[in-house]
Amino acid sequence: MKSISFILLFSIFCNSVNAQSPCSGIKYIDQLAVSPPEPPIQDFRKIEYNEIPDSLKNRIKAEIIKETSSSFFKGLKVKEVKVFDSAVNEKLFTPTAIYDANENPVDFLYVIFYEELFKDIPFVFKLEVKQNGELLKKGQFEGIVNQKKKIIPCSKALSIAASDKEAPITKPGDLYIYYNDNYKTIVWQIMEADNTNGDSQHVTVIDAFTGDILDKNEFLKGSTNFESTP
């Protein structure tokens, strides 16, 4: 009887430890608190996928298959949809300008977040689509489709961030995996846990394939832009 009780307590303890690990709560690009300079997608209006006309969904499907493959499209799951239009822009703290591949201004934009299994790791990427269903820009699947390299595990990324000699992450907080447009690769982004005595947090960005540290920054709490450390 004692051995059964011990096993149950040990199991509860292990589950508790696992639940507290940052790797058990990986976040994705649609949840980014701090991202490289880009339109403030977090402030765009959220809509349901079924609000998009069927004819437009078919156009988007055709665009995705043209850029990737039908098998790639079949593996996608819509996670969230956001809209940018004039009404949204008027409410932004700083109005933003969006341009297509030909540098033409775009007044209406769908931002669709798709989820897929990337090497057995859940991964979310965004697709920016114009009102007519045409992709805002080509190359939005760069680094995602037909990727044969292996992603380093979350635990390895945490170890790399913690062992950095210049600015180690001593207490990891939020952890993200997403495609970084600046570095043209999928990255692990590790945030230092909240520092109650300061007004800034540290963030380390790691190449998810090579393990190289790409960026180390400080950002003000509540800010959506990086402030590079000297």
Protein backbone atom coordinates (compact mmCIF):
# COMPACT_ATOMS: atom_id res chain seq x y z
CA MET A 1 0.00 0.00 0.00
CA LYS A 2 2.86 2.34 0.88
CA SER A 3 4.57 1.63 -2.42
CA ILE A 4 1.39 2.53 -4.33
CA SER A 5 1.09 5.78 -2.39
CA PHE A 6 4.73 6.57 -3.11
CA ILE A 7 4.25 5.95 -6.83
CA LEU A 8 1.18 8.20 -6.90
CA LEU A 9 3.01 11.00 -5.05
CA PHE A 10 6.04 10.65 -7.32
CA SER A 11 3.82 10.80 -10.40
CA ILE A 12 2.07 13.93 -9.13
CA PHE A 13 5.46 15.52 -8.38
CA CYS A 14 6.79 14.76 -11.87
CA ASN A 15 3.67 16.13 -13.51
CA SER A 16 3.99 19.27 -11.39
CA VAL A 17 7.60 19.77 -12.41
CA ASN A 18 6.79 19.24 -16.09
CA ALA A 19 3.89 21.69 -15.90
CA GLN A 20 6.24 24.35 -14.55
CA SER A 21 8.76 23.93 -17.36
CA PRO A 22 8.77 26.74 -19.97
CA CYS A 23 8.84 24.01 -22.63
CA SER A 24 5.35 22.91 -21.59
CA GLY A 25 3.93 26.31 -22.57
CA ILE A 26 5.58 27.23 -25.86
CA LYS A 27 3.92 30.23 -27.52
CA TYR A 28 3.66 31.11 -31.17
CA ILE A 29 3.87 34.09 -33.48
CA ASP A 30 0.24 35.13 -32.92
CA GLN A 31 1.06 35.52 -29.22
CA LEU A 32 4.32 37.46 -29.57
CA ALA A 33 4.68 40.12 -26.89
CA VAL A 34 7.75 41.55 -28.59
CA SER A 35 8.47 41.14 -32.27
CA PRO A 36 10.78 42.60 -34.90
CA PRO A 37 9.53 45.87 -36.42
CA GLU A 38 6.42 45.12 -38.47
CA PRO A 39 2.76 46.24 -38.55
CA PRO A 40 1.15 45.94 -35.07
CA ILE A 41 -0.75 42.74 -35.83
CA GLN A 42 -1.72 42.38 -32.18
CA ASP A 43 -3.98 45.44 -32.66
CA PHE A 44 -5.70 44.21 -35.82
CA ARG A 45 -9.35 43.19 -35.60
CA LYS A 46 -9.98 39.50 -34.95
CA ILE A 47 -12.60 37.73 -37.08
CA GLU A 48 -13.79 34.17 -37.56
CA TYR A 49 -12.46 32.20 -40.52
CA ASN A 50 -16.02 31.52 -41.72
CA GLU A 51 -16.48 35.28 -42.19
CA ILE A 52 -14.17 35.07 -45.19
CA PRO A 53 -16.22 34.47 -48.38
CA ASP A 54 -15.93 30.93 -49.81
CA SER A 55 -14.71 32.27 -53.15
CA LEU A 56 -11.88 34.03 -51.34
CA LYS A 57 -11.02 30.92 -49.34
CA ASN A 58 -10.69 29.00 -52.61
CA ARG A 59 -8.39 31.70 -54.01
CA ILE A 60 -6.24 31.57 -50.87
CA LYS A 61 -6.09 27.77 -51.10
CA ALA A 62 -4.98 27.99 -54.73
CA GLU A 63 -2.31 30.57 -53.83
CA ILE A 64 -0.93 28.39 -51.04
CA ILE A 65 -0.82 25.27 -53.21
CA LYS A 66 0.87 27.22 -56.01
CA GLU A 67 3.60 28.35 -53.58
CA THR A 68 3.89 25.00 -51.78
CA SER A 69 1.94 21.81 -52.55
CA SER A 70 -1.48 20.25 -51.99
CA SER A 71 -0.05 17.94 -49.30
CA PHE A 72 1.35 20.95 -47.43
CA PHE A 73 -2.05 22.68 -47.56
CA LYS A 74 -3.82 19.57 -46.24
CA GLY A 75 -1.63 19.64 -43.14
CA LEU A 76 -2.59 23.19 -42.22
CA LYS A 77 -5.07 24.20 -39.54
CA VAL A 78 -6.42 27.75 -39.26
CA LYS A 79 -5.61 29.03 -35.78
CA GLU A 80 -6.66 32.67 -35.97
CA VAL A 81 -7.61 35.39 -38.47
CA LYS A 82 -7.10 39.12 -38.14
CA VAL A 83 -8.04 42.03 -40.40
CA PHE A 84 -6.41 45.35 -41.15
CA ASP A 85 -8.58 48.09 -42.68
CA SER A 86 -9.09 51.86 -42.44
CA ALA A 87 -11.19 51.52 -39.27
CA VAL A 88 -8.40 49.59 -37.56
CA ASN A 89 -5.77 52.03 -38.77
CA GLU A 90 -7.66 54.99 -37.33
CA LYS A 91 -7.57 53.42 -33.87
CA LEU A 92 -3.84 52.62 -33.90
CA PHE A 93 -1.61 54.75 -31.70
CA THR A 94 0.58 55.29 -34.76
CA PRO A 95 -1.21 54.74 -38.11
CA THR A 96 0.64 52.24 -40.26
CA ALA A 97 1.22 51.94 -44.01
CA ILE A 98 1.24 48.53 -45.67
CA TYR A 99 2.55 47.91 -49.19
CA ASP A 100 2.42 44.95 -51.54
CA ALA A 101 5.29 43.52 -53.59
CA ASN A 102 4.96 46.34 -56.12
CA GLU A 103 5.04 49.03 -53.42
CA ASN A 104 1.35 49.78 -53.88
CA PRO A 105 -0.44 50.82 -50.67
CA VAL A 106 -2.84 48.23 -49.25
CA ASP A 107 -5.93 49.43 -47.36
CA PHE A 108 -7.32 45.99 -46.48
CA LEU A 109 -5.39 42.93 -45.35
CA TYR A 110 -6.17 39.48 -43.96
CA VAL A 111 -3.56 38.01 -41.61
CA ILE A 112 -4.21 34.29 -41.28
CA PHE A 113 -2.32 32.25 -38.70
CA TYR A 114 -1.88 28.62 -39.74
CA GLU A 115 -0.72 25.80 -37.51
CA GLU A 116 1.20 22.80 -38.76
CA LEU A 117 3.35 20.05 -37.34
CA PHE A 118 6.93 20.93 -38.16
CA LYS A 119 9.16 17.93 -37.49
CA ASP A 120 6.56 16.84 -34.90
CA ILE A 121 6.73 20.26 -33.21
CA PRO A 122 3.53 22.38 -33.38
CA PHE A 123 4.43 25.49 -35.34
CA VAL A 124 2.41 28.58 -36.28
CA PHE A 125 3.14 30.96 -39.14
CA LYS A 126 1.27 33.94 -40.53
CA LEU A 127 0.10 34.49 -44.09
CA GLU A 128 -0.70 38.02 -45.24
CA VAL A 129 -3.40 38.11 -47.92
CA LYS A 130 -4.93 41.02 -49.83
CA GLN A 131 -8.69 41.53 -50.04
CA ASN A 132 -8.88 39.73 -53.41
CA GLY A 133 -7.15 36.62 -52.02
CA GLU A 134 -3.78 37.37 -53.57
CA LEU A 135 -0.73 37.00 -51.33
CA LEU A 136 0.58 40.35 -50.12
CA LYS A 137 4.10 39.29 -51.07
CA LYS A 138 5.76 36.19 -52.44
CA GLY A 139 8.22 34.22 -50.34
CA GLN A 140 6.02 34.02 -47.23
CA PHE A 141 6.72 30.28 -47.02
CA GLU A 142 10.48 30.71 -47.19
CA GLY A 143 12.27 28.59 -44.61
CA ILE A 144 9.11 26.64 -43.76
CA VAL A 145 8.24 24.46 -46.73
CA ASN A 146 10.44 21.47 -47.61
CA GLN A 147 12.63 22.19 -44.61
CA LYS A 148 14.87 19.17 -44.12
CA LYS A 149 16.94 20.44 -41.21
CA LYS A 150 16.10 19.36 -37.68
CA ILE A 151 14.96 21.84 -35.07
CA ILE A 152 16.93 21.77 -31.82
CA PRO A 153 14.67 20.84 -28.90
CA CYS A 154 13.30 23.45 -26.52
CA SER A 155 15.48 22.17 -23.66
CA LYS A 156 18.61 22.68 -25.78
CA ALA A 157 17.59 26.26 -26.62
CA LEU A 158 17.11 27.00 -22.91
CA SER A 159 20.56 25.57 -22.17
CA ILE A 160 22.16 27.75 -24.86
CA ALA A 161 20.47 30.88 -23.52
CA ALA A 162 21.46 30.06 -19.94
CA SER A 163 25.14 29.41 -20.78
CA ASP A 164 25.67 32.63 -22.75
CA LYS A 165 28.60 34.45 -21.13
CA GLU A 166 27.53 38.00 -21.99
CA ALA A 167 23.81 38.01 -21.13
CA PRO A 168 22.57 34.65 -19.83
CA ILE A 169 18.89 33.96 -19.32
CA THR A 170 18.97 32.97 -15.66
CA LYS A 171 15.23 32.63 -15.17
CA PRO A 172 13.35 31.83 -18.41
CA GLY A 173 9.87 33.26 -18.82
CA ASP A 174 7.83 33.18 -22.03
CA LEU A 175 9.20 31.00 -24.81
CA TYR A 176 8.30 31.37 -28.49
CA ILE A 177 9.02 29.58 -31.75
CA TYR A 178 8.35 31.40 -35.03
CA TYR A 179 9.75 32.33 -38.43
CA ASN A 180 11.81 35.51 -38.09
CA ASP A 181 11.65 37.68 -41.21
CA ASN A 182 14.81 39.56 -40.25
CA TYR A 183 17.01 36.46 -40.07
CA LYS A 184 15.09 34.36 -42.61
CA THR A 185 14.94 31.34 -40.35
CA ILE A 186 12.84 29.74 -37.64
CA VAL A 187 13.91 30.89 -34.18
CA TRP A 188 13.48 30.17 -30.53
CA GLN A 189 12.83 33.42 -28.63
CA ILE A 190 13.38 33.21 -24.88
CA MET A 191 12.28 35.97 -22.54
CA GLU A 192 13.75 36.57 -19.10
CA ALA A 193 11.06 36.14 -16.46
CA ASP A 194 9.60 39.38 -15.10
CA ASN A 195 12.06 41.42 -13.08
CA THR A 196 9.97 43.02 -10.36
CA ASN A 197 12.73 45.47 -9.49
CA GLY A 198 13.28 46.86 -12.97
CA ASP A 199 11.38 48.21 -15.94
CA SER A 200 13.00 46.09 -18.64
CA GLN A 201 13.38 42.45 -19.64
CA HIS A 202 16.06 40.57 -21.53
CA VAL A 203 15.34 38.51 -24.63
CA THR A 204 17.56 36.03 -26.50
CA VAL A 205 16.81 34.92 -30.07
CA ILE A 206 18.33 31.59 -31.16
CA ASP A 207 18.48 29.96 -34.60
CA ALA A 208 16.24 26.91 -34.18
CA PHE A 209 18.42 24.83 -36.53
CA THR A 210 22.01 25.76 -35.70
CA GLY A 211 21.66 26.88 -32.08
CA ASP A 212 23.47 30.14 -32.85
CA ILE A 213 22.45 33.17 -30.81
CA LEU A 214 21.19 35.71 -33.35
CA ASP A 215 20.11 38.54 -31.09
CA LYS A 216 20.28 39.67 -27.47
CA ASN A 217 18.15 42.63 -26.49
CA GLU A 218 16.56 44.54 -23.67
CA PHE A 219 13.03 45.82 -24.03
CA LEU A 220 10.86 48.01 -21.86
CA LYS A 221 7.90 46.24 -20.27
CA GLY A 222 4.78 46.82 -22.31
CA SER A 223 6.77 47.80 -25.39
CA THR A 224 6.46 46.08 -28.75
CA ASN A 225 9.88 47.07 -30.05
CA PHE A 226 13.38 45.87 -29.19
CA GLU A 227 15.91 48.18 -27.63
CA SER A 228 19.32 46.84 -28.62
CA THR A 229 21.89 46.50 -25.91
CA PRO A 230 25.32 48.04 -26.63
